[in-house]
PDB file of all heavy atoms in Angstrom:
ATOM      1  N   ALA A   1       0.832  -1.204   0.000  1.00  0.00           N
ATOM      2  CA  ALA A   1       0.000   0.000   0.000  1.00  0.00           C
ATOM      3  C   ALA A   1       0.867   1.256   0.000  1.00  0.00           C
ATOM      4  O   ALA A   1       0.605   2.205  -0.752  1.00  0.00           O
ATOM      5  CB  ALA A   1      -0.934  -0.004   1.215  1.00  0.00           C
ATOM      6  N   PHE A   2       1.907   1.275   0.832  1.00  0.00           N
ATOM      7  CA  PHE A   2       2.816   2.426   0.846  1.00  0.00           C
ATOM      8  C   PHE A   2       3.537   2.557  -0.493  1.00  0.00           C
ATOM      9  O   PHE A   2       3.740   3.673  -0.994  1.00  0.00           O
ATOM     10  CB  PHE A   2       3.827   2.288   1.984  1.00  0.00           C
ATOM     11  CG  PHE A   2       3.318   2.767   3.305  1.00  0.00           C
ATOM     12  CD1 PHE A   2       2.870   1.859   4.261  1.00  0.00           C
ATOM     13  CD2 PHE A   2       3.285   4.114   3.610  1.00  0.00           C
ATOM     14  CE1 PHE A   2       2.397   2.291   5.496  1.00  0.00           C
ATOM     15  CE2 PHE A   2       2.807   4.564   4.837  1.00  0.00           C
ATOM     16  CZ  PHE A   2       2.361   3.655   5.774  1.00  0.00           C
ATOM     17  N   GLY A   3       3.940   1.416  -1.071  1.00  0.00           N
ATOM     18  CA  GLY A   3       4.620   1.457  -2.356  1.00  0.00           C
ATOM     19  C   GLY A   3       3.735   2.000  -3.460  1.00  0.00           C
ATOM     20  O   GLY A   3       4.169   2.830  -4.284  1.00  0.00           O
ATOM     21  N   VAL A   4       2.472   1.542  -3.496  1.00  0.00           N
ATOM     22  CA  VAL A   4       1.530   2.040  -4.501  1.00  0.00           C
ATOM     23  C   VAL A   4       1.287   3.535  -4.303  1.00  0.00           C
ATOM     24  O   VAL A   4       1.237   4.315  -5.270  1.00  0.00           O
ATOM     25  CB  VAL A   4       0.208   1.253  -4.431  1.00  0.00           C
ATOM     26  CG1 VAL A   4      -0.856   1.895  -5.306  1.00  0.00           C
ATOM     27  CG2 VAL A   4       0.431  -0.193  -4.843  1.00  0.00           C
ATOM     28  N   PHE A   5       1.147   3.956  -3.050  1.00  0.00           N
ATOM     29  CA  PHE A   5       0.931   5.374  -2.746  1.00  0.00           C
ATOM     30  C   PHE A   5       2.092   6.232  -3.267  1.00  0.00           C
ATOM     31  O   PHE A   5       1.888   7.239  -3.959  1.00  0.00           O
ATOM     32  CB  PHE A   5       0.764   5.555  -1.245  1.00  0.00           C
ATOM     33  CG  PHE A   5       0.754   6.989  -0.799  1.00  0.00           C
ATOM     34  CD1 PHE A   5      -0.354   7.790  -1.021  1.00  0.00           C
ATOM     35  CD2 PHE A   5       1.852   7.540  -0.159  1.00  0.00           C
ATOM     36  CE1 PHE A   5      -0.365   9.119  -0.619  1.00  0.00           C
ATOM     37  CE2 PHE A   5       1.850   8.862   0.244  1.00  0.00           C
ATOM     38  CZ  PHE A   5       0.737   9.650   0.014  1.00  0.00           C
ATOM     39  N   LEU A   6       3.329   5.818  -2.945  1.00  0.00           N
ATOM     40  CA  LEU A   6       4.494   6.598  -3.372  1.00  0.00           C
ATOM     41  C   LEU A   6       4.650   6.592  -4.894  1.00  0.00           C
ATOM     42  O   LEU A   6       4.988   7.615  -5.499  1.00  0.00           O
ATOM     43  CB  LEU A   6       5.760   6.047  -2.705  1.00  0.00           C
ATOM     44  CG  LEU A   6       5.839   6.211  -1.184  1.00  0.00           C
ATOM     45  CD1 LEU A   6       7.078   5.504  -0.635  1.00  0.00           C
ATOM     46  CD2 LEU A   6       5.863   7.684  -0.806  1.00  0.00           C
ATOM     47  N   PHE A   7       4.379   5.425  -5.514  1.00  0.00           N
ATOM     48  CA  PHE A   7       4.527   5.352  -6.963  1.00  0.00           C
ATOM     49  C   PHE A   7       3.486   6.212  -7.677  1.00  0.00           C
ATOM     50  O   PHE A   7       3.774   6.843  -8.699  1.00  0.00           O
ATOM     51  CB  PHE A   7       4.425   3.906  -7.433  1.00  0.00           C
ATOM     52  CG  PHE A   7       4.684   3.724  -8.904  1.00  0.00           C
ATOM     53  CD1 PHE A   7       5.872   4.157  -9.474  1.00  0.00           C
ATOM     54  CD2 PHE A   7       3.733   3.138  -9.726  1.00  0.00           C
ATOM     55  CE1 PHE A   7       6.112   4.005 -10.835  1.00  0.00           C
ATOM     56  CE2 PHE A   7       3.963   2.981 -11.078  1.00  0.00           C
ATOM     57  CZ  PHE A   7       5.158   3.415 -11.633  1.00  0.00           C
ATOM     58  N   ARG A   8       2.272   6.282  -7.138  1.00  0.00           N
ATOM     59  CA  ARG A   8       1.256   7.117  -7.778  1.00  0.00           C
ATOM     60  C   ARG A   8       1.559   8.603  -7.568  1.00  0.00           C
ATOM     61  O   ARG A   8       1.254   9.426  -8.433  1.00  0.00           O
ATOM     62  CB  ARG A   8      -0.127   6.748  -7.254  1.00  0.00           C
ATOM     63  CG  ARG A   8      -0.535   5.358  -7.699  1.00  0.00           C
ATOM     64  CD  ARG A   8      -2.006   5.089  -7.605  1.00  0.00           C
ATOM     65  NE  ARG A   8      -2.291   3.761  -8.132  1.00  0.00           N
ATOM     66  CZ  ARG A   8      -3.508   3.241  -8.219  1.00  0.00           C
ATOM     67  NH1 ARG A   8      -4.541   3.940  -7.823  1.00  0.00           N
ATOM     68  NH2 ARG A   8      -3.678   2.029  -8.699  1.00  0.00           N
ATOM     69  N   LYS A   9       2.174   8.937  -6.436  1.00  0.00           N
ATOM     70  CA  LYS A   9       2.626  10.313  -6.259  1.00  0.00           C
ATOM     71  C   LYS A   9       3.735  10.640  -7.262  1.00  0.00           C
ATOM     72  O   LYS A   9       3.811  11.749  -7.799  1.00  0.00           O
ATOM     73  CB  LYS A   9       3.122  10.528  -4.825  1.00  0.00           C
ATOM     74  CG  LYS A   9       2.010  10.564  -3.802  1.00  0.00           C
ATOM     75  CD  LYS A   9       1.047  11.704  -4.096  1.00  0.00           C
ATOM     76  CE  LYS A   9      -0.140  11.717  -3.155  1.00  0.00           C
ATOM     77  NZ  LYS A   9      -1.118  12.782  -3.503  1.00  0.00           N
ATOM     78  N   PHE A  10       4.618   9.659  -7.483  1.00  0.00           N
ATOM     79  CA  PHE A  10       5.663   9.838  -8.490  1.00  0.00           C
ATOM     80  C   PHE A  10       5.044  10.042  -9.869  1.00  0.00           C
ATOM     81  O   PHE A  10       5.481  10.921 -10.629  1.00  0.00           O
ATOM     82  CB  PHE A  10       6.584   8.618  -8.503  1.00  0.00           C
ATOM     83  CG  PHE A  10       7.472   8.546  -9.720  1.00  0.00           C
ATOM     84  CD1 PHE A  10       8.645   9.284  -9.790  1.00  0.00           C
ATOM     85  CD2 PHE A  10       7.128   7.742 -10.795  1.00  0.00           C
ATOM     86  CE1 PHE A  10       9.453   9.223 -10.919  1.00  0.00           C
ATOM     87  CE2 PHE A  10       7.934   7.667 -11.927  1.00  0.00           C
ATOM     88  CZ  PHE A  10       9.107   8.423 -11.982  1.00  0.00           C
ATOM     89  N   LYS A  11       4.013   9.259 -10.209  1.00  0.00           N
ATOM     90  CA  LYS A  11       3.370   9.391 -11.517  1.00  0.00           C
ATOM     91  C   LYS A  11       2.693  10.752 -11.667  1.00  0.00           C
ATOM     92  O   LYS A  11       2.746  11.367 -12.738  1.00  0.00           O
ATOM     93  CB  LYS A  11       2.353   8.255 -11.720  1.00  0.00           C
ATOM     94  CG  LYS A  11       3.000   6.888 -11.878  1.00  0.00           C
ATOM     95  CD  LYS A  11       2.037   5.851 -12.416  1.00  0.00           C
ATOM     96  CE  LYS A  11       0.977   5.478 -11.448  1.00  0.00           C
ATOM     97  NZ  LYS A  11       0.130   4.364 -11.944  1.00  0.00           N
ATOM     98  N   GLN A  12       2.061  11.231 -10.594  1.00  0.00           N
ATOM     99  CA  GLN A  12       1.435  12.550 -10.654  1.00  0.00           C
ATOM    100  C   GLN A  12       2.477  13.638 -10.896  1.00  0.00           C
ATOM    101  O   GLN A  12       2.260  14.559 -11.686  1.00  0.00           O
ATOM    102  CB  GLN A  12       0.677  12.827  -9.351  1.00  0.00           C
ATOM    103  CG  GLN A  12      -0.549  11.948  -9.143  1.00  0.00           C
ATOM    104  CD  GLN A  12      -1.171  12.141  -7.775  1.00  0.00           C
ATOM    105  OE1 GLN A  12      -0.801  13.052  -7.034  1.00  0.00           O
ATOM    106  NE2 GLN A  12      -2.111  11.272  -7.423  1.00  0.00           N
ATOM    107  N   ARG A  13       3.602  13.519 -10.198  1.00  0.00           N
ATOM    108  CA  ARG A  13       4.661  14.522 -10.359  1.00  0.00           C
ATOM    109  C   ARG A  13       5.289  14.423 -11.750  1.00  0.00           C
ATOM    110  O   ARG A  13       5.607  15.453 -12.370  1.00  0.00           O
ATOM    111  CB  ARG A  13       5.720  14.318  -9.277  1.00  0.00           C
ATOM    112  CG  ARG A  13       6.658  15.496  -9.107  1.00  0.00           C
ATOM    113  CD  ARG A  13       7.491  15.370  -7.844  1.00  0.00           C
ATOM    114  NE  ARG A  13       8.300  16.558  -7.646  1.00  0.00           N
ATOM    115  CZ  ARG A  13       7.881  17.671  -7.056  1.00  0.00           C
ATOM    116  NH1 ARG A  13       6.634  17.752  -6.602  1.00  0.00           N
ATOM    117  NH2 ARG A  13       8.683  18.720  -6.903  1.00  0.00           N
ATOM    118  N   TYR A  14       5.469  13.222 -12.252  1.00  0.00           N
ATOM    119  CA  TYR A  14       6.012  13.051 -13.600  1.00  0.00           C
ATOM    120  C   TYR A  14       5.088  13.676 -14.638  1.00  0.00           C
ATOM    121  O   TYR A  14       5.546  14.377 -15.553  1.00  0.00           O
ATOM    122  CB  TYR A  14       6.210  11.563 -13.890  1.00  0.00           C
ATOM    123  CG  TYR A  14       6.765  11.279 -15.267  1.00  0.00           C
ATOM    124  CD1 TYR A  14       8.139  11.190 -15.479  1.00  0.00           C
ATOM    125  CD2 TYR A  14       5.915  11.112 -16.363  1.00  0.00           C
ATOM    126  CE1 TYR A  14       8.649  10.945 -16.748  1.00  0.00           C
ATOM    127  CE2 TYR A  14       6.410  10.868 -17.634  1.00  0.00           C
ATOM    128  CZ  TYR A  14       7.784  10.777 -17.814  1.00  0.00           C
ATOM    129  OH  TYR A  14       8.288  10.540 -19.068  1.00  0.00           O
ATOM    130  N   ASN A  15       3.790  13.407 -14.521  1.00  0.00           N
ATOM    131  CA  ASN A  15       2.830  13.979 -15.472  1.00  0.00           C
ATOM    132  C   ASN A  15       2.839  15.501 -15.425  1.00  0.00           C
ATOM    133  O   ASN A  15       2.648  16.173 -16.442  1.00  0.00           O
ATOM    134  CB  ASN A  15       1.426  13.461 -15.180  1.00  0.00           C
ATOM    135  CG  ASN A  15       1.262  12.004 -15.547  1.00  0.00           C
ATOM    136  OD1 ASN A  15       2.107  11.419 -16.220  1.00  0.00           O
ATOM    137  ND2 ASN A  15       0.178  11.390 -15.087  1.00  0.00           N
ATOM    138  N   ARG A  16       3.077  16.035 -14.232  1.00  0.00           N
ATOM    139  CA  ARG A  16       3.085  17.496 -14.069  1.00  0.00           C
ATOM    140  C   ARG A  16       4.241  18.139 -14.826  1.00  0.00           C
ATOM    141  O   ARG A  16       4.068  19.204 -15.441  1.00  0.00           O
ATOM    142  CB  ARG A  16       3.160  17.832 -12.581  1.00  0.00           C
ATOM    143  CG  ARG A  16       3.253  19.316 -12.271  1.00  0.00           C
ATOM    144  CD  ARG A  16       3.379  19.513 -10.769  1.00  0.00           C
ATOM    145  NE  ARG A  16       3.627  20.915 -10.447  1.00  0.00           N
ATOM    146  CZ  ARG A  16       3.882  21.355  -9.211  1.00  0.00           C
ATOM    147  NH1 ARG A  16       3.901  20.486  -8.193  1.00  0.00           N
ATOM    148  NH2 ARG A  16       4.116  22.637  -8.994  1.00  0.00           N
ATOM    149  N   TYR A  17       5.417  17.491 -14.805  1.00  0.00           N
ATOM    150  CA  TYR A  17       6.606  18.111 -15.393  1.00  0.00           C
ATOM    151  C   TYR A  17       6.952  17.560 -16.780  1.00  0.00           C
ATOM    152  O   TYR A  17       7.583  18.253 -17.574  1.00  0.00           O
ATOM    153  CB  TYR A  17       7.809  17.929 -14.459  1.00  0.00           C
ATOM    154  CG  TYR A  17       7.728  18.766 -13.213  1.00  0.00           C
ATOM    155  CD1 TYR A  17       7.301  18.208 -12.010  1.00  0.00           C
ATOM    156  CD2 TYR A  17       8.059  20.114 -13.233  1.00  0.00           C
ATOM    157  CE1 TYR A  17       7.221  18.980 -10.856  1.00  0.00           C
ATOM    158  CE2 TYR A  17       7.985  20.892 -12.085  1.00  0.00           C
ATOM    159  CZ  TYR A  17       7.561  20.315 -10.898  1.00  0.00           C
ATOM    160  OH  TYR A  17       7.485  21.082  -9.768  1.00  0.00           O
ATOM    161  N   TYR A  18       6.566  16.322 -17.069  1.00  0.00           N
ATOM    162  CA  TYR A  18       6.979  15.701 -18.329  1.00  0.00           C
ATOM    163  C   TYR A  18       5.813  15.217 -19.184  1.00  0.00           C
ATOM    164  O   TYR A  18       6.004  14.859 -20.348  1.00  0.00           O
ATOM    165  CB  TYR A  18       7.906  14.504 -18.050  1.00  0.00           C
ATOM    166  CG  TYR A  18       9.253  14.877 -17.503  1.00  0.00           C
ATOM    167  CD1 TYR A  18       9.492  14.862 -16.135  1.00  0.00           C
ATOM    168  CD2 TYR A  18      10.298  15.238 -18.345  1.00  0.00           C
ATOM    169  CE1 TYR A  18      10.728  15.200 -15.618  1.00  0.00           C
ATOM    170  CE2 TYR A  18      11.544  15.569 -17.841  1.00  0.00           C
ATOM    171  CZ  TYR A  18      11.756  15.555 -16.470  1.00  0.00           C
ATOM    172  OH  TYR A  18      12.988  15.890 -15.982  1.00  0.00           O
ATOM    173  N   GLY A  19       4.616  15.149 -18.591  1.00  0.00           N
ATOM    174  CA  GLY A  19       3.497  14.531 -19.300  1.00  0.00           C
ATOM    175  C   GLY A  19       3.147  15.189 -20.611  1.00  0.00           C
ATOM    176  O   GLY A  19       2.848  14.504 -21.600  1.00  0.00           O
ATOM    177  N   ALA A  20       3.150  16.499 -20.642  1.00  0.00           N
ATOM    178  CA  ALA A  20       2.739  17.208 -21.859  1.00  0.00           C
ATOM    179  C   ALA A  20       3.669  16.924 -23.034  1.00  0.00           C
ATOM    180  O   ALA A  20       3.225  16.893 -24.187  1.00  0.00           O
ATOM    181  CB  ALA A  20       2.685  18.711 -21.582  1.00  0.00           C
ATOM    182  N   ASP A  21       4.960  16.700 -22.752  1.00  0.00           N
ATOM    183  CA  ASP A  21       5.940  16.502 -23.823  1.00  0.00           C
ATOM    184  C   ASP A  21       6.206  15.033 -24.128  1.00  0.00           C
ATOM    185  O   ASP A  21       6.441  14.676 -25.295  1.00  0.00           O
ATOM    186  CB  ASP A  21       7.266  17.184 -23.461  1.00  0.00           C
ATOM    187  CG  ASP A  21       7.123  18.685 -23.312  1.00  0.00           C
ATOM    188  OD1 ASP A  21       6.209  19.248 -23.955  1.00  0.00           O
ATOM    189  OD2 ASP A  21       7.893  19.282 -22.539  1.00  0.00           O
ATOM    190  N   GLU A  22       6.200  14.179 -23.124  1.00  0.00           N
ATOM    191  CA  GLU A  22       6.667  12.799 -23.306  1.00  0.00           C
ATOM    192  C   GLU A  22       5.616  11.748 -22.956  1.00  0.00           C
ATOM    193  O   GLU A  22       5.935  10.569 -22.815  1.00  0.00           O
ATOM    194  CB  GLU A  22       7.928  12.577 -22.466  1.00  0.00           C
ATOM    195  CG  GLU A  22       9.054  13.554 -22.820  1.00  0.00           C
ATOM    196  CD  GLU A  22      10.317  13.304 -22.021  1.00  0.00           C
ATOM    197  OE1 GLU A  22      10.451  12.190 -21.478  1.00  0.00           O
ATOM    198  OE2 GLU A  22      11.171  14.192 -21.956  1.00  0.00           O
ATOM    199  N   GLY A  23       4.377  12.139 -22.787  1.00  0.00           N
ATOM    200  CA  GLY A  23       3.318  11.188 -22.495  1.00  0.00           C
ATOM    201  C   GLY A  23       3.043  11.077 -21.006  1.00  0.00           C
ATOM    202  O   GLY A  23       3.937  11.290 -20.180  1.00  0.00           O
ATOM    203  N   GLU A  24       1.790  10.744 -20.653  1.00  0.00           N
ATOM    204  CA  GLU A  24       1.379  10.716 -19.255  1.00  0.00           C
ATOM    205  C   GLU A  24       1.152   9.293 -18.760  1.00  0.00           C
ATOM    206  O   GLU A  24       0.757   8.406 -19.520  1.00  0.00           O
ATOM    207  CB  GLU A  24       0.089  11.524 -19.076  1.00  0.00           C
ATOM    208  CG  GLU A  24       0.256  13.011 -19.300  1.00  0.00           C
ATOM    209  CD  GLU A  24      -0.999  13.780 -18.922  1.00  0.00           C
ATOM    210  OE1 GLU A  24      -2.051  13.119 -18.726  1.00  0.00           O
ATOM    211  OE2 GLU A  24      -0.921  15.006 -18.807  1.00  0.00           O
ATOM    212  N   TYR A  25       1.418   9.112 -17.474  1.00  0.00           N
ATOM    213  CA  TYR A  25       1.069   7.864 -16.797  1.00  0.00           C
ATOM    214  C   TYR A  25      -0.442   7.774 -16.642  1.00  0.00           C
ATOM    215  O   TYR A  25      -1.140   8.784 -16.498  1.00  0.00           O
ATOM    216  CB  TYR A  25       1.692   7.826 -15.403  1.00  0.00           C
ATOM    217  CG  TYR A  25       3.103   7.283 -15.331  1.00  0.00           C
ATOM    218  CD1 TYR A  25       4.180   8.116 -15.044  1.00  0.00           C
ATOM    219  CD2 TYR A  25       3.346   5.933 -15.505  1.00  0.00           C
ATOM    220  CE1 TYR A  25       5.467   7.627 -14.947  1.00  0.00           C
ATOM    221  CE2 TYR A  25       4.628   5.420 -15.416  1.00  0.00           C
ATOM    222  CZ  TYR A  25       5.689   6.268 -15.133  1.00  0.00           C
ATOM    223  OH  TYR A  25       6.954   5.766 -15.046  1.00  0.00           O
ATOM    224  N   GLU A  26      -0.950   6.521 -16.633  1.00  0.00           N
ATOM    225  CA  GLU A  26      -2.354   6.283 -16.317  1.00  0.00           C
ATOM    226  C   GLU A  26      -2.466   5.886 -14.840  1.00  0.00           C
ATOM    227  O   GLU A  26      -1.486   5.590 -14.183  1.00  0.00           O
ATOM    228  CB  GLU A  26      -2.942   5.172 -17.194  1.00  0.00           C
ATOM    229  CG  GLU A  26      -2.828   5.411 -18.691  1.00  0.00           C
ATOM    230  CD  GLU A  26      -1.506   4.987 -19.268  1.00  0.00           C
ATOM    231  OE1 GLU A  26      -0.705   4.384 -18.507  1.00  0.00           O
ATOM    232  OE2 GLU A  26      -1.254   5.262 -20.450  1.00  0.00           O
ATOM    233  N   ASN A  27      -3.713   5.851 -14.342  1.00  0.00           N
ATOM    234  CA  ASN A  27      -4.021   5.413 -12.969  1.00  0.00           C
ATOM    235  C   ASN A  27      -3.147   6.145 -11.950  1.00  0.00           C
ATOM    236  O   ASN A  27      -2.346   5.557 -11.233  1.00  0.00           O
ATOM    237  CB  ASN A  27      -3.821   3.900 -12.820  1.00  0.00           C
ATOM    238  CG  ASN A  27      -4.743   3.102 -13.700  1.00  0.00           C
ATOM    239  OD1 ASN A  27      -5.863   3.509 -13.980  1.00  0.00           O
ATOM    240  ND2 ASN A  27      -4.272   1.943 -14.157  1.00  0.00           N
ATOM    241  N   THR A  28      -3.337   7.451 -11.870  1.00  0.00           N
ATOM    242  CA  THR A  28      -2.518   8.250 -10.967  1.00  0.00           C
ATOM    243  C   THR A  28      -3.228   8.584  -9.653  1.00  0.00           C
ATOM    244  O   THR A  28      -2.591   9.076  -8.725  1.00  0.00           O
ATOM    245  CB  THR A  28      -2.110   9.570 -11.637  1.00  0.00           C
ATOM    246  OG1 THR A  28      -3.282  10.304 -11.994  1.00  0.00           O
ATOM    247  CG2 THR A  28      -1.277   9.302 -12.879  1.00  0.00           C
ATOM    248  N   GLU A  29      -4.526   8.325  -9.562  1.00  0.00           N
ATOM    249  CA  GLU A  29      -5.261   8.666  -8.354  1.00  0.00           C
ATOM    250  C   GLU A  29      -5.071   7.582  -7.295  1.00  0.00           C
ATOM    251  O   GLU A  29      -4.978   6.400  -7.610  1.00  0.00           O
ATOM    252  CB  GLU A  29      -6.750   8.845  -8.658  1.00  0.00           C
ATOM    253  CG  GLU A  29      -7.045  10.008  -9.580  1.00  0.00           C
ATOM    254  CD  GLU A  29      -6.561  11.331  -9.019  1.00  0.00           C
ATOM    255  OE1 GLU A  29      -6.737  11.561  -7.801  1.00  0.00           O
ATOM    256  OE2 GLU A  29      -5.981  12.124  -9.786  1.00  0.00           O
ATOM    257  N   PHE A  30      -5.028   8.012  -6.045  1.00  0.00           N
ATOM    258  CA  PHE A  30      -4.869   7.073  -4.931  1.00  0.00           C
ATOM    259  C   PHE A  30      -6.095   7.172  -4.044  1.00  0.00           C
ATOM    260  O   PHE A  30      -6.294   8.150  -3.317  1.00  0.00           O
ATOM    261  CB  PHE A  30      -3.607   7.407  -4.134  1.00  0.00           C
ATOM    262  CG  PHE A  30      -3.295   6.389  -3.064  1.00  0.00           C
ATOM    263  CD1 PHE A  30      -2.683   5.188  -3.382  1.00  0.00           C
ATOM    264  CD2 PHE A  30      -3.618   6.624  -1.737  1.00  0.00           C
ATOM    265  CE1 PHE A  30      -2.397   4.254  -2.410  1.00  0.00           C
ATOM    266  CE2 PHE A  30      -3.341   5.695  -0.756  1.00  0.00           C
ATOM    267  CZ  PHE A  30      -2.726   4.511  -1.091  1.00  0.00           C
ATOM    268  N   SER A  31      -6.948   6.139  -4.107  1.00  0.00           N
ATOM    269  CA  SER A  31      -8.161   6.097  -3.295  1.00  0.00           C
ATOM    270  C   SER A  31      -8.577   4.647  -3.131  1.00  0.00           C
ATOM    271  O   SER A  31      -8.048   3.749  -3.786  1.00  0.00           O
ATOM    272  CB  SER A  31      -9.287   6.900  -3.956  1.00  0.00           C
ATOM    273  OG  SER A  31      -9.636   6.322  -5.206  1.00  0.00           O
ATOM    274  N   GLN A  32      -9.530   4.430  -2.245  1.00  0.00           N
ATOM    275  CA  GLN A  32     -10.019   3.067  -2.025  1.00  0.00           C
ATOM    276  C   GLN A  32     -10.635   2.491  -3.288  1.00  0.00           C
ATOM    277  O   GLN A  32     -10.547   1.281  -3.530  1.00  0.00           O
ATOM    278  CB  GLN A  32     -11.042   3.050  -0.889  1.00  0.00           C
ATOM    279  CG  GLN A  32     -10.418   3.134   0.500  1.00  0.00           C
ATOM    280  CD  GLN A  32     -11.450   2.944   1.589  1.00  0.00           C
ATOM    281  OE1 GLN A  32     -12.121   3.881   2.003  1.00  0.00           O
ATOM    282  NE2 GLN A  32     -11.578   1.722   2.073  1.00  0.00           N
ATOM    283  N   GLU A  33     -11.262   3.333  -4.077  1.00  0.00           N
ATOM    284  CA  GLU A  33     -11.896   2.842  -5.297  1.00  0.00           C
ATOM    285  C   GLU A  33     -10.862   2.487  -6.354  1.00  0.00           C
ATOM    286  O   GLU A  33     -11.014   1.506  -7.094  1.00  0.00           O
ATOM    287  CB  GLU A  33     -12.863   3.896  -5.852  1.00  0.00           C
ATOM    288  CG  GLU A  33     -14.086   4.157  -4.980  1.00  0.00           C
ATOM    289  CD  GLU A  33     -13.772   4.985  -3.748  1.00  0.00           C
ATOM    290  OE1 GLU A  33     -12.705   5.658  -3.744  1.00  0.00           O
ATOM    291  OE2 GLU A  33     -14.552   4.945  -2.786  1.00  0.00           O
ATOM    292  N   GLU A  34      -9.794   3.287  -6.447  1.00  0.00           N
ATOM    293  CA  GLU A  34      -8.788   3.085  -7.482  1.00  0.00           C
ATOM    294  C   GLU A  34      -7.708   2.092  -7.078  1.00  0.00           C
ATOM    295  O   GLU A  34      -7.032   1.533  -7.939  1.00  0.00           O
ATOM    296  CB  GLU A  34      -8.118   4.431  -7.828  1.00  0.00           C
ATOM    297  CG  GLU A  34      -9.026   5.431  -8.488  1.00  0.00           C
ATOM    298  CD  GLU A  34      -9.415   5.015  -9.894  1.00  0.00           C
ATOM    299  OE1 GLU A  34      -8.628   4.305 -10.542  1.00  0.00           O
ATOM    300  OE2 GLU A  34     -10.522   5.382 -10.339  1.00  0.00           O
ATOM    301  N   TYR A  35      -7.536   1.850  -5.773  1.00  0.00           N
ATOM    302  CA  TYR A  35      -6.413   1.037  -5.311  1.00  0.00           C
ATOM    303  C   TYR A  35      -6.394  -0.373  -5.904  1.00  0.00           C
ATOM    304  O   TYR A  35      -5.332  -0.857  -6.308  1.00  0.00           O
ATOM    305  CB  TYR A  35      -6.410   0.956  -3.786  1.00  0.00           C
ATOM    306  CG  TYR A  35      -5.260   0.140  -3.229  1.00  0.00           C
ATOM    307  CD1 TYR A  35      -3.977   0.668  -3.157  1.00  0.00           C
ATOM    308  CD2 TYR A  35      -5.452  -1.167  -2.791  1.00  0.00           C
ATOM    309  CE1 TYR A  35      -2.918  -0.062  -2.654  1.00  0.00           C
ATOM    310  CE2 TYR A  35      -4.404  -1.912  -2.289  1.00  0.00           C
ATOM    311  CZ  TYR A  35      -3.143  -1.348  -2.223  1.00  0.00           C
ATOM    312  OH  TYR A  35      -2.099  -2.091  -1.736  1.00  0.00           O
TER     313      TYR A  35
END
């Protein structure tokens, strides 16, 4: 659970800085429904 949380935070940050130019990660939300 901690690993998934940190990795999705990493994906959100990656999309913020690199997503527009190099493509975005999917499944970036962290919630009970998405977990």
